[in-house]
Amino acid sequence: VEPILGEADNPNLPDEQVNLAFMVDAYHEFEYPYEMMQGIVRSLKPN
């Protein structure tokens, strides 16, 4: 488990390294949901 300090508009994840991004009762509280999800999408591998 690798802790990562994110920002309200950036998860600070590496690009195209993630198989699954997982959020439990979290997304509805994102202060910047559009920007955060853009960062999450960038972090995902194709598919």
All heavy atoms as atom14 arrays in JSON, in Angstrom:
{
  "sequence": "VEPILGEADNPNLPDEQVNLAFMVDAYHEFEYPYEMMQGIVRSLKPN",
  "atom14_mask": [
    [1, 1, 1, 1, 1, 1, 1, 0, 0, 0, 0, 0, 0, 0],
    [1, 1, 1, 1, 1, 1, 1, 1, 1, 0, 0, 0, 0, 0],
    [1, 1, 1, 1, 1, 1, 1, 0, 0, 0, 0, 0, 0, 0],
    [1, 1, 1, 1, 1, 1, 1, 1, 0, 0, 0, 0, 0, 0],
    [1, 1, 1, 1, 1, 1, 1, 1, 0, 0, 0, 0, 0, 0],
    [1, 1, 1, 1, 0, 0, 0, 0, 0, 0, 0, 0, 0, 0],
    [1, 1, 1, 1, 1, 1, 1, 1, 1, 0, 0, 0, 0, 0],
    [1, 1, 1, 1, 1, 0, 0, 0, 0, 0, 0, 0, 0, 0],
    [1, 1, 1, 1, 1, 1, 1, 1, 0, 0, 0, 0, 0, 0],
    [1, 1, 1, 1, 1, 1, 1, 1, 0, 0, 0, 0, 0, 0],
    [1, 1, 1, 1, 1, 1, 1, 0, 0, 0, 0, 0, 0, 0],
    [1, 1, 1, 1, 1, 1, 1, 1, 0, 0, 0, 0, 0, 0],
    [1, 1, 1, 1, 1, 1, 1, 1, 0, 0, 0, 0, 0, 0],
    [1, 1, 1, 1, 1, 1, 1, 0, 0, 0, 0, 0, 0, 0],
    [1, 1, 1, 1, 1, 1, 1, 1, 0, 0, 0, 0, 0, 0],
    [1, 1, 1, 1, 1, 1, 1, 1, 1, 0, 0, 0, 0, 0],
    [1, 1, 1, 1, 1, 1, 1, 1, 1, 0, 0, 0, 0, 0],
    [1, 1, 1, 1, 1, 1, 1, 0, 0, 0, 0, 0, 0, 0],
    [1, 1, 1, 1, 1, 1, 1, 1, 0, 0, 0, 0, 0, 0],
    [1, 1, 1, 1, 1, 1, 1, 1, 0, 0, 0, 0, 0, 0],
    [1, 1, 1, 1, 1, 0, 0, 0, 0, 0, 0, 0, 0, 0],
    [1, 1, 1, 1, 1, 1, 1, 1, 1, 1, 1, 0, 0, 0],
    [1, 1, 1, 1, 1, 1, 1, 1, 0, 0, 0, 0, 0, 0],
    [1, 1, 1, 1, 1, 1, 1, 0, 0, 0, 0, 0, 0, 0],
    [1, 1, 1, 1, 1, 1, 1, 1, 0, 0, 0, 0, 0, 0],
    [1, 1, 1, 1, 1, 0, 0, 0, 0, 0, 0, 0, 0, 0],
    [1, 1, 1, 1, 1, 1, 1, 1, 1, 1, 1, 1, 0, 0],
    [1, 1, 1, 1, 1, 1, 1, 1, 1, 1, 0, 0, 0, 0],
    [1, 1, 1, 1, 1, 1, 1, 1, 1, 0, 0, 0, 0, 0],
    [1, 1, 1, 1, 1, 1, 1, 1, 1, 1, 1, 0, 0, 0],
    [1, 1, 1, 1, 1, 1, 1, 1, 1, 0, 0, 0, 0, 0],
    [1, 1, 1, 1, 1, 1, 1, 1, 1, 1, 1, 1, 0, 0],
    [1, 1, 1, 1, 1, 1, 1, 0, 0, 0, 0, 0, 0, 0],
    [1, 1, 1, 1, 1, 1, 1, 1, 1, 1, 1, 1, 0, 0],
    [1, 1, 1, 1, 1, 1, 1, 1, 1, 0, 0, 0, 0, 0],
    [1, 1, 1, 1, 1, 1, 1, 1, 0, 0, 0, 0, 0, 0],
    [1, 1, 1, 1, 1, 1, 1, 1, 0, 0, 0, 0, 0, 0],
    [1, 1, 1, 1, 1, 1, 1, 1, 1, 0, 0, 0, 0, 0],
    [1, 1, 1, 1, 0, 0, 0, 0, 0, 0, 0, 0, 0, 0],
    [1, 1, 1, 1, 1, 1, 1, 1, 0, 0, 0, 0, 0, 0],
    [1, 1, 1, 1, 1, 1, 1, 0, 0, 0, 0, 0, 0, 0],
    [1, 1, 1, 1, 1, 1, 1, 1, 1, 1, 1, 0, 0, 0],
    [1, 1, 1, 1, 1, 1, 0, 0, 0, 0, 0, 0, 0, 0],
    [1, 1, 1, 1, 1, 1, 1, 1, 0, 0, 0, 0, 0, 0],
    [1, 1, 1, 1, 1, 1, 1, 1, 1, 0, 0, 0, 0, 0],
    [1, 1, 1, 1, 1, 1, 1, 0, 0, 0, 0, 0, 0, 0],
    [1, 1, 1, 1, 1, 1, 1, 1, 0, 0, 0, 0, 0, 0]
  ],
  "atom14_positions": [
    [[0.87, -1.18, 0.0], [0.0, 0.0, 0.0], [0.9, 1.22, 0.0], [1.77, 1.37, 0.87], [-0.94, 0.03, 1.22], [-1.69, 1.36, 1.28], [-1.93, -1.13, 1.16], [0.0, 0.0, 0.0], [0.0, 0.0, 0.0], [0.0, 0.0, 0.0], [0.0, 0.0, 0.0], [0.0, 0.0, 0.0], [0.0, 0.0, 0.0], [0.0, 0.0, 0.0]],
    [[0.7, 2.1, -0.98], [1.52, 3.3, -1.12], [0.66, 4.55, -0.88], [-0.2, 4.87, -1.69], [2.11, 3.37, -2.53], [2.96, 4.61, -2.79], [3.47, 4.67, -4.21], [3.62, 3.61, -4.85], [3.71, 5.8, -4.71], [0.0, 0.0, 0.0], [0.0, 0.0, 0.0], [0.0, 0.0, 0.0], [0.0, 0.0, 0.0], [0.0, 0.0, 0.0]],
    [[0.85, 5.24, 0.24], [0.07, 6.46, 0.49], [0.46, 7.57, -0.48], [1.64, 7.77, -0.78], [0.45, 6.84, 1.93], [1.08, 5.61, 2.51], [1.74, 4.91, 1.36], [0.0, 0.0, 0.0], [0.0, 0.0, 0.0], [0.0, 0.0, 0.0], [0.0, 0.0, 0.0], [0.0, 0.0, 0.0], [0.0, 0.0, 0.0], [0.0, 0.0, 0.0]],
    [[-0.55, 8.3, -0.97], [-0.32, 9.43, -1.88], [-1.13, 10.61, -1.39], [-2.35, 10.5, -1.2], [-0.72, 9.07, -3.32], [0.2, 7.98, -3.88], [-0.67, 10.31, -4.22], [-0.14, 7.53, -5.29], [0.0, 0.0, 0.0], [0.0, 0.0, 0.0], [0.0, 0.0, 0.0], [0.0, 0.0, 0.0], [0.0, 0.0, 0.0], [0.0, 0.0, 0.0]],
    [[-0.48, 11.74, -1.19], [-1.18, 12.96, -0.8], [-1.73, 13.62, -2.06], [-0.97, 14.1, -2.9], [-0.24, 13.91, -0.06], [-0.87, 15.22, 0.43], [-1.97, 14.94, 1.46], [0.19, 16.13, 1.03], [0.0, 0.0, 0.0], [0.0, 0.0, 0.0], [0.0, 0.0, 0.0], [0.0, 0.0, 0.0], [0.0, 0.0, 0.0], [0.0, 0.0, 0.0]],
    [[-3.03, 13.62, -2.19], [-3.66, 14.24, -3.34], [-3.99, 15.7, -3.07], [-3.74, 16.23, -1.98], [0.0, 0.0, 0.0], [0.0, 0.0, 0.0], [0.0, 0.0, 0.0], [0.0, 0.0, 0.0], [0.0, 0.0, 0.0], [0.0, 0.0, 0.0], [0.0, 0.0, 0.0], [0.0, 0.0, 0.0], [0.0, 0.0, 0.0], [0.0, 0.0, 0.0]],
    [[-4.57, 16.34, -4.07], [-5.06, 17.7, -3.96], [-6.55, 17.69, -4.3], [-7.04, 16.73, -4.89], [-4.3, 18.61, -4.92], [-2.8, 18.64, -4.68], [-2.06, 19.34, -5.8], [-2.21, 20.56, -5.94], [-1.35, 18.64, -6.56], [0.0, 0.0, 0.0], [0.0, 0.0, 0.0], [0.0, 0.0, 0.0], [0.0, 0.0, 0.0], [0.0, 0.0, 0.0]],
    [[-7.25, 18.74, -3.95], [-8.69, 18.77, -4.18], [-9.05, 18.65, -5.65], [-10.15, 18.2, -6.0], [-9.29, 20.04, -3.59], [0.0, 0.0, 0.0], [0.0, 0.0, 0.0], [0.0, 0.0, 0.0], [0.0, 0.0, 0.0], [0.0, 0.0, 0.0], [0.0, 0.0, 0.0], [0.0, 0.0, 0.0], [0.0, 0.0, 0.0], [0.0, 0.0, 0.0]],
    [[-8.14, 19.05, -6.55], [-8.43, 18.98, -7.98], [-7.45, 18.07, -8.72], [-7.38, 18.11, -9.95], [-8.43, 20.37, -8.6], [-7.12, 21.12, -8.41], [-6.22, 20.58, -7.72], [-6.99, 22.24, -8.93], [0.0, 0.0, 0.0], [0.0, 0.0, 0.0], [0.0, 0.0, 0.0], [0.0, 0.0, 0.0], [0.0, 0.0, 0.0], [0.0, 0.0, 0.0]],
    [[-6.7, 17.23, -7.99], [-5.71, 16.37, -8.64], [-5.38, 15.2, -7.72], [-4.89, 15.41, -6.6], [-4.45, 17.17, -8.95], [-3.46, 16.42, -9.82], [-3.52, 15.19, -9.96], [-2.53, 17.14, -10.41], [0.0, 0.0, 0.0], [0.0, 0.0, 0.0], [0.0, 0.0, 0.0], [0.0, 0.0, 0.0], [0.0, 0.0, 0.0], [0.0, 0.0, 0.0]],
    [[-5.59, 13.95, -8.18], [-5.25, 12.81, -7.32], [-3.76, 12.52, -7.24], [-3.34, 11.7, -6.44], [-6.0, 11.65, -8.0], [-6.05, 12.03, -9.45], [-6.2, 13.54, -9.45], [0.0, 0.0, 0.0], [0.0, 0.0, 0.0], [0.0, 0.0, 0.0], [0.0, 0.0, 0.0], [0.0, 0.0, 0.0], [0.0, 0.0, 0.0], [0.0, 0.0, 0.0]],
    [[-2.97, 13.18, -8.09], [-1.52, 12.99, -8.11], [-1.13, 11.53, -8.35], [-0.23, 10.98, -7.7], [-0.88, 13.51, -6.81], [-0.9, 15.03, -6.73], [-0.93, 15.72, -7.75], [-0.92, 15.57, -5.53], [0.0, 0.0, 0.0], [0.0, 0.0, 0.0], [0.0, 0.0, 0.0], [0.0, 0.0, 0.0], [0.0, 0.0, 0.0], [0.0, 0.0, 0.0]],
    [[-1.81, 10.92, -9.31], [-1.52, 9.55, -9.69], [-0.66, 9.53, -10.96], [-0.74, 10.44, -11.79], [-2.82, 8.79, -9.97], [-3.7, 8.49, -8.76], [-5.09, 8.04, -9.22], [-3.05, 7.44, -7.87], [0.0, 0.0, 0.0], [0.0, 0.0, 0.0], [0.0, 0.0, 0.0], [0.0, 0.0, 0.0], [0.0, 0.0, 0.0], [0.0, 0.0, 0.0]],
    [[0.16, 8.5, -11.13], [0.96, 8.4, -12.36], [0.06, 8.09, -13.56], [-0.95, 7.41, -13.44], [1.91, 7.23, -12.06], [1.18, 6.41, -11.04], [0.41, 7.39, -10.2], [0.0, 0.0, 0.0], [0.0, 0.0, 0.0], [0.0, 0.0, 0.0], [0.0, 0.0, 0.0], [0.0, 0.0, 0.0], [0.0, 0.0, 0.0], [0.0, 0.0, 0.0]],
    [[0.44, 8.59, -14.73], [-0.35, 8.37, -15.94], [-0.29, 6.92, -16.38], [0.77, 6.29, -16.39], [0.17, 9.26, -17.07], [-0.13, 10.74, -16.86], [-0.89, 11.05, -15.92], [0.38, 11.57, -17.64], [0.0, 0.0, 0.0], [0.0, 0.0, 0.0], [0.0, 0.0, 0.0], [0.0, 0.0, 0.0], [0.0, 0.0, 0.0], [0.0, 0.0, 0.0]],
    [[-1.46, 6.4, -16.76], [-1.62, 5.09, -17.39], [-0.91, 3.96, -16.64], [-0.29, 3.09, -17.23], [-1.13, 5.15, -18.85], [-1.94, 6.11, -19.7], [-1.61, 6.01, -21.18], [-0.59, 5.39, -21.52], [-2.4, 6.54, -21.99], [0.0, 0.0, 0.0], [0.0, 0.0, 0.0], [0.0, 0.0, 0.0], [0.0, 0.0, 0.0], [0.0, 0.0, 0.0]],
    [[-1.08, 3.97, -15.31], [-0.47, 2.91, -14.49], [-1.51, 2.12, -13.69], [-1.17, 1.11, -13.07], [0.53, 3.54, -13.5], [1.7, 4.23, -14.15], [2.59, 3.28, -14.91], [2.97, 2.22, -14.41], [2.92, 3.63, -16.16], [0.0, 0.0, 0.0], [0.0, 0.0, 0.0], [0.0, 0.0, 0.0], [0.0, 0.0, 0.0], [0.0, 0.0, 0.0]],
    [[-2.76, 2.55, -13.71], [-3.78, 2.01, -12.81], [-4.74, 1.09, -13.56], [-5.25, 1.45, -14.62], [-4.55, 3.16, -12.13], [-5.72, 2.64, -11.31], [-3.61, 3.98, -11.25], [0.0, 0.0, 0.0], [0.0, 0.0, 0.0], [0.0, 0.0, 0.0], [0.0, 0.0, 0.0], [0.0, 0.0, 0.0], [0.0, 0.0, 0.0], [0.0, 0.0, 0.0]],
    [[-4.99, -0.09, -12.99], [-5.98, -1.0, -13.56], [-7.39, -0.67, -13.1], [-8.36, -0.82, -13.86], [-5.67, -2.45, -13.16], [-4.34, -2.93, -13.67], [-3.35, -2.91, -12.94], [-4.29, -3.36, -14.93], [0.0, 0.0, 0.0], [0.0, 0.0, 0.0], [0.0, 0.0, 0.0], [0.0, 0.0, 0.0], [0.0, 0.0, 0.0], [0.0, 0.0, 0.0]],
    [[-7.51, -0.24, -11.84], [-8.82, 0.02, -11.25], [-8.73, 1.2, -10.3], [-7.87, 1.22, -9.41], [-9.31, -1.21, -10.49], [-10.58, -1.04, -9.65], [-11.8, -0.9, -10.56], [-10.76, -2.21, -8.7], [0.0, 0.0, 0.0], [0.0, 0.0, 0.0], [0.0, 0.0, 0.0], [0.0, 0.0, 0.0], [0.0, 0.0, 0.0], [0.0, 0.0, 0.0]],
    [[-9.59, 2.19, -10.5], [-9.74, 3.3, -9.55], [-11.04, 3.08, -8.8], [-12.09, 2.84, -9.4], [-9.77, 4.64, -10.28], [0.0, 0.0, 0.0], [0.0, 0.0, 0.0], [0.0, 0.0, 0.0], [0.0, 0.0, 0.0], [0.0, 0.0, 0.0], [0.0, 0.0, 0.0], [0.0, 0.0, 0.0], [0.0, 0.0, 0.0], [0.0, 0.0, 0.0]],
    [[-10.96, 3.18, -7.49], [-12.01, 2.69, -6.59], [-12.39, 3.8, -5.62], [-11.53, 4.39, -4.98], [-11.44, 1.47, -5.86], [-12.36, 0.78, -4.92], [-13.46, 0.1, -5.39], [-12.08, 0.76, -3.57], [-14.29, -0.59, -4.52], [-12.89, 0.08, -2.69], [-14.0, -0.6, -3.16], [0.0, 0.0, 0.0], [0.0, 0.0, 0.0], [0.0, 0.0, 0.0]],
    [[-13.69, 4.08, -5.49], [-14.16, 5.13, -4.6], [-15.39, 4.64, -3.84], [-16.4, 4.31, -4.46], [-14.52, 6.39, -5.4], [-13.33, 7.12, -5.98], [-13.74, 8.15, -7.43], [-13.56, 6.93, -8.75], [0.0, 0.0, 0.0], [0.0, 0.0, 0.0], [0.0, 0.0, 0.0], [0.0, 0.0, 0.0], [0.0, 0.0, 0.0], [0.0, 0.0, 0.0]],
    [[-15.31, 4.6, -2.54], [-16.43, 4.16, -1.72], [-17.0, 5.37, -0.98], [-16.34, 5.97, -0.13], [-16.01, 3.08, -0.7], [-17.18, 2.74, 0.22], [-15.54, 1.83, -1.43], [0.0, 0.0, 0.0], [0.0, 0.0, 0.0], [0.0, 0.0, 0.0], [0.0, 0.0, 0.0], [0.0, 0.0, 0.0], [0.0, 0.0, 0.0], [0.0, 0.0, 0.0]],
    [[-18.24, 5.75, -1.33], [-18.92, 6.89, -0.7], [-18.01, 8.1, -0.63], [-17.94, 8.81, 0.37], [-19.41, 6.51, 0.7], [-20.39, 5.36, 0.66], [-21.18, 5.3, -0.28], [-20.35, 4.5, 1.56], [0.0, 0.0, 0.0], [0.0, 0.0, 0.0], [0.0, 0.0, 0.0], [0.0, 0.0, 0.0], [0.0, 0.0, 0.0], [0.0, 0.0, 0.0]],
    [[-17.3, 8.32, -1.72], [-16.29, 9.37, -1.77], [-16.6, 10.41, -2.84], [-16.5, 11.61, -2.6], [-14.92, 8.76, -2.04], [0.0, 0.0, 0.0], [0.0, 0.0, 0.0], [0.0, 0.0, 0.0], [0.0, 0.0, 0.0], [0.0, 0.0, 0.0], [0.0, 0.0, 0.0], [0.0, 0.0, 0.0], [0.0, 0.0, 0.0], [0.0, 0.0, 0.0]],
    [[-17.0, 9.95, -3.99], [-17.1, 10.84, -5.15], [-18.03, 12.02, -4.9], [-17.73, 13.15, -5.32], [-17.57, 10.05, -6.36], [-17.81, 10.92, -7.57], [-16.75, 11.42, -8.31], [-19.11, 11.28, -7.95], [-16.96, 12.25, -9.41], [-19.33, 12.1, -9.03], [-18.26, 12.58, -9.76], [-18.47, 13.41, -10.82], [0.0, 0.0, 0.0], [0.0, 0.0, 0.0]],
    [[-19.14, 11.82, -4.21], [-20.11, 12.9, -4.01], [-19.54, 14.06, -3.2], [-20.12, 15.14, -3.16], [-21.38, 12.37, -3.34], [-21.18, 11.9, -1.93], [-20.8, 10.62, -1.61], [-21.28, 12.56, -0.75], [-20.7, 10.5, -0.31], [-20.98, 11.67, 0.24], [0.0, 0.0, 0.0], [0.0, 0.0, 0.0], [0.0, 0.0, 0.0], [0.0, 0.0, 0.0]],
    [[-18.39, 13.84, -2.55], [-17.75, 14.89, -1.75], [-16.57, 15.55, -2.45], [-15.93, 16.43, -1.88], [-17.29, 14.3, -0.41], [-18.44, 13.81, 0.45], [-17.98, 13.19, 1.76], [-16.75, 13.01, 1.94], [-18.84, 12.87, 2.59], [0.0, 0.0, 0.0], [0.0, 0.0, 0.0], [0.0, 0.0, 0.0], [0.0, 0.0, 0.0], [0.0, 0.0, 0.0]],
    [[-16.26, 15.13, -3.67], [-15.17, 15.78, -4.4], [-15.48, 17.25, -4.59], [-16.52, 17.61, -5.14], [-14.98, 15.14, -5.78], [-14.33, 13.79, -5.79], [-14.08, 13.08, -4.63], [-13.96, 13.24, -7.0], [-13.49, 11.84, -4.67], [-13.36, 11.99, -7.05], [-13.12, 11.28, -5.89], [0.0, 0.0, 0.0], [0.0, 0.0, 0.0], [0.0, 0.0, 0.0]],
    [[-14.57, 18.1, -4.2], [-14.77, 19.54, -4.38], [-14.67, 19.94, -5.85], [-15.36, 20.85, -6.31], [-13.74, 20.32, -3.55], [-13.97, 21.81, -3.54], [-12.99, 22.53, -2.64], [-12.15, 21.87, -2.0], [-13.08, 23.78, -2.56], [0.0, 0.0, 0.0], [0.0, 0.0, 0.0], [0.0, 0.0, 0.0], [0.0, 0.0, 0.0], [0.0, 0.0, 0.0]],
    [[-13.82, 19.25, -6.57], [-13.65, 19.48, -8.01], [-13.83, 18.15, -8.75], [-12.86, 17.54, -9.22], [-12.25, 20.06, -8.3], [-12.07, 21.46, -7.78], [-11.56, 21.67, -6.5], [-12.43, 22.56, -8.55], [-11.41, 22.96, -6.01], [-12.27, 23.85, -8.07], [-11.76, 24.04, -6.79], [-11.62, 25.32, -6.3], [0.0, 0.0, 0.0], [0.0, 0.0, 0.0]],
    [[-15.06, 17.67, -8.86], [-15.27, 16.34, -9.45], [-14.8, 16.22, -10.88], [-14.25, 15.18, -11.27], [-16.78, 16.13, -9.32], [-17.35, 17.5, -9.15], [-16.33, 18.28, -8.42], [0.0, 0.0, 0.0], [0.0, 0.0, 0.0], [0.0, 0.0, 0.0], [0.0, 0.0, 0.0], [0.0, 0.0, 0.0], [0.0, 0.0, 0.0], [0.0, 0.0, 0.0]],
    [[-15.0, 17.25, -11.69], [-14.59, 17.18, -13.1], [-13.07, 17.06, -13.21], [-12.55, 16.18, -13.91], [-15.09, 18.42, -13.84], [-14.74, 18.45, -15.31], [-15.34, 17.56, -16.21], [-13.8, 19.34, -15.81], [-15.02, 17.58, -17.56], [-13.47, 19.37, -17.16], [-14.08, 18.49, -18.03], [-13.74, 18.51, -19.36], [0.0, 0.0, 0.0], [0.0, 0.0, 0.0]],
    [[-12.35, 17.91, -12.51], [-10.89, 17.89, -12.57], [-10.32, 16.59, -11.95], [-9.38, 16.0, -12.49], [-10.3, 19.11, -11.86], [-10.58, 20.44, -12.55], [-11.97, 20.99, -12.25], [-12.71, 20.39, -11.43], [-12.31, 22.03, -12.83], [0.0, 0.0, 0.0], [0.0, 0.0, 0.0], [0.0, 0.0, 0.0], [0.0, 0.0, 0.0], [0.0, 0.0, 0.0]],
    [[-10.91, 16.17, -10.83], [-10.44, 14.94, -10.19], [-10.63, 13.74, -11.11], [-9.73, 12.9, -11.24], [-11.19, 14.71, -8.88], [-10.68, 15.55, -7.72], [-8.97, 15.17, -7.25], [-9.1, 13.44, -6.86], [0.0, 0.0, 0.0], [0.0, 0.0, 0.0], [0.0, 0.0, 0.0], [0.0, 0.0, 0.0], [0.0, 0.0, 0.0], [0.0, 0.0, 0.0]],
    [[-11.79, 13.65, -11.74], [-12.03, 12.51, -12.62], [-11.16, 12.57, -13.86], [-10.74, 11.52, -14.38], [-13.51, 12.44, -13.0], [-14.43, 12.02, -11.86], [-13.93, 10.5, -11.0], [-13.79, 9.34, -12.36], [0.0, 0.0, 0.0], [0.0, 0.0, 0.0], [0.0, 0.0, 0.0], [0.0, 0.0, 0.0], [0.0, 0.0, 0.0], [0.0, 0.0, 0.0]],
    [[-10.85, 13.76, -14.34], [-9.9, 13.85, -15.46], [-8.55, 13.25, -15.06], [-7.92, 12.53, -15.83], [-9.73, 15.31, -15.89], [-10.88, 15.87, -16.7], [-10.6, 17.28, -17.17], [-10.11, 18.13, -16.41], [-10.88, 17.55, -18.42], [0.0, 0.0, 0.0], [0.0, 0.0, 0.0], [0.0, 0.0, 0.0], [0.0, 0.0, 0.0], [0.0, 0.0, 0.0]],
    [[-8.09, 13.57, -13.85], [-6.83, 13.03, -13.36], [-6.9, 11.52, -13.19], [-5.94, 10.81, -13.49], [0.0, 0.0, 0.0], [0.0, 0.0, 0.0], [0.0, 0.0, 0.0], [0.0, 0.0, 0.0], [0.0, 0.0, 0.0], [0.0, 0.0, 0.0], [0.0, 0.0, 0.0], [0.0, 0.0, 0.0], [0.0, 0.0, 0.0], [0.0, 0.0, 0.0]],
    [[-8.03, 11.04, -12.72], [-8.2, 9.59, -12.54], [-8.21, 8.89, -13.9], [-7.57, 7.84, -14.07], [-9.48, 9.31, -11.74], [-9.29, 9.74, -10.29], [-9.86, 7.83, -11.82], [-10.56, 9.76, -9.47], [0.0, 0.0, 0.0], [0.0, 0.0, 0.0], [0.0, 0.0, 0.0], [0.0, 0.0, 0.0], [0.0, 0.0, 0.0], [0.0, 0.0, 0.0]],
    [[-8.91, 9.46, -14.86], [-8.95, 8.86, -16.2], [-7.54, 8.81, -16.79], [-7.15, 7.81, -17.41], [-9.92, 9.63, -17.11], [-9.8, 9.16, -18.56], [-11.36, 9.44, -16.64], [0.0, 0.0, 0.0], [0.0, 0.0, 0.0], [0.0, 0.0, 0.0], [0.0, 0.0, 0.0], [0.0, 0.0, 0.0], [0.0, 0.0, 0.0], [0.0, 0.0, 0.0]],
    [[-6.76, 9.86, -16.61], [-5.38, 9.86, -17.12], [-4.55, 8.75, -16.48], [-3.64, 8.19, -17.11], [-4.71, 11.21, -16.86], [-5.16, 12.34, -17.77], [-4.21, 13.52, -17.66], [-4.12, 14.06, -16.31], [-4.91, 15.01, -15.83], [-5.85, 15.53, -16.6], [-4.74, 15.46, -14.6], [0.0, 0.0, 0.0], [0.0, 0.0, 0.0], [0.0, 0.0, 0.0]],
    [[-4.84, 8.43, -15.24], [-4.06, 7.42, -14.53], [-4.38, 6.0, -14.98], [-3.58, 5.08, -14.74], [-4.31, 7.53, -13.02], [-5.55, 6.94, -12.65], [0.0, 0.0, 0.0], [0.0, 0.0, 0.0], [0.0, 0.0, 0.0], [0.0, 0.0, 0.0], [0.0, 0.0, 0.0], [0.0, 0.0, 0.0], [0.0, 0.0, 0.0], [0.0, 0.0, 0.0]],
    [[-5.52, 5.81, -15.64], [-5.94, 4.47, -16.01], [-5.21, 3.96, -17.24], [-4.95, 4.7, -18.19], [-7.45, 4.45, -16.31], [-8.41, 4.69, -15.15], [-9.83, 4.77, -15.68], [-8.29, 3.6, -14.1], [0.0, 0.0, 0.0], [0.0, 0.0, 0.0], [0.0, 0.0, 0.0], [0.0, 0.0, 0.0], [0.0, 0.0, 0.0], [0.0, 0.0, 0.0]],
    [[-4.92, 2.68, -17.23], [-4.46, 2.01, -18.44], [-5.63, 1.92, -19.42], [-6.79, 2.04, -19.02], [-3.96, 0.61, -18.1], [-2.76, 0.57, -17.18], [-2.37, -0.87, -16.86], [-1.16, -0.92, -15.93], [-0.77, -2.31, -15.6], [0.0, 0.0, 0.0], [0.0, 0.0, 0.0], [0.0, 0.0, 0.0], [0.0, 0.0, 0.0], [0.0, 0.0, 0.0]],
    [[-5.36, 1.72, -20.72], [-6.46, 1.47, -21.66], [-7.31, 0.3, -21.16], [-6.78, -0.72, -20.71], [-5.74, 1.14, -22.97], [-4.42, 1.85, -22.85], [-4.05, 1.76, -21.39], [0.0, 0.0, 0.0], [0.0, 0.0, 0.0], [0.0, 0.0, 0.0], [0.0, 0.0, 0.0], [0.0, 0.0, 0.0], [0.0, 0.0, 0.0], [0.0, 0.0, 0.0]],
    [[-8.62, 0.48, -21.21], [-9.58, -0.5, -20.69], [-9.57, -0.59, -19.16], [-10.2, -1.5, -18.6], [-9.35, -1.89, -21.28], [-9.58, -1.93, -22.78], [-10.56, -1.37, -23.28], [-8.68, -2.56, -23.52], [0.0, 0.0, 0.0], [0.0, 0.0, 0.0], [0.0, 0.0, 0.0], [0.0, 0.0, 0.0], [0.0, 0.0, 0.0], [0.0, 0.0, 0.0]]
  ]
}
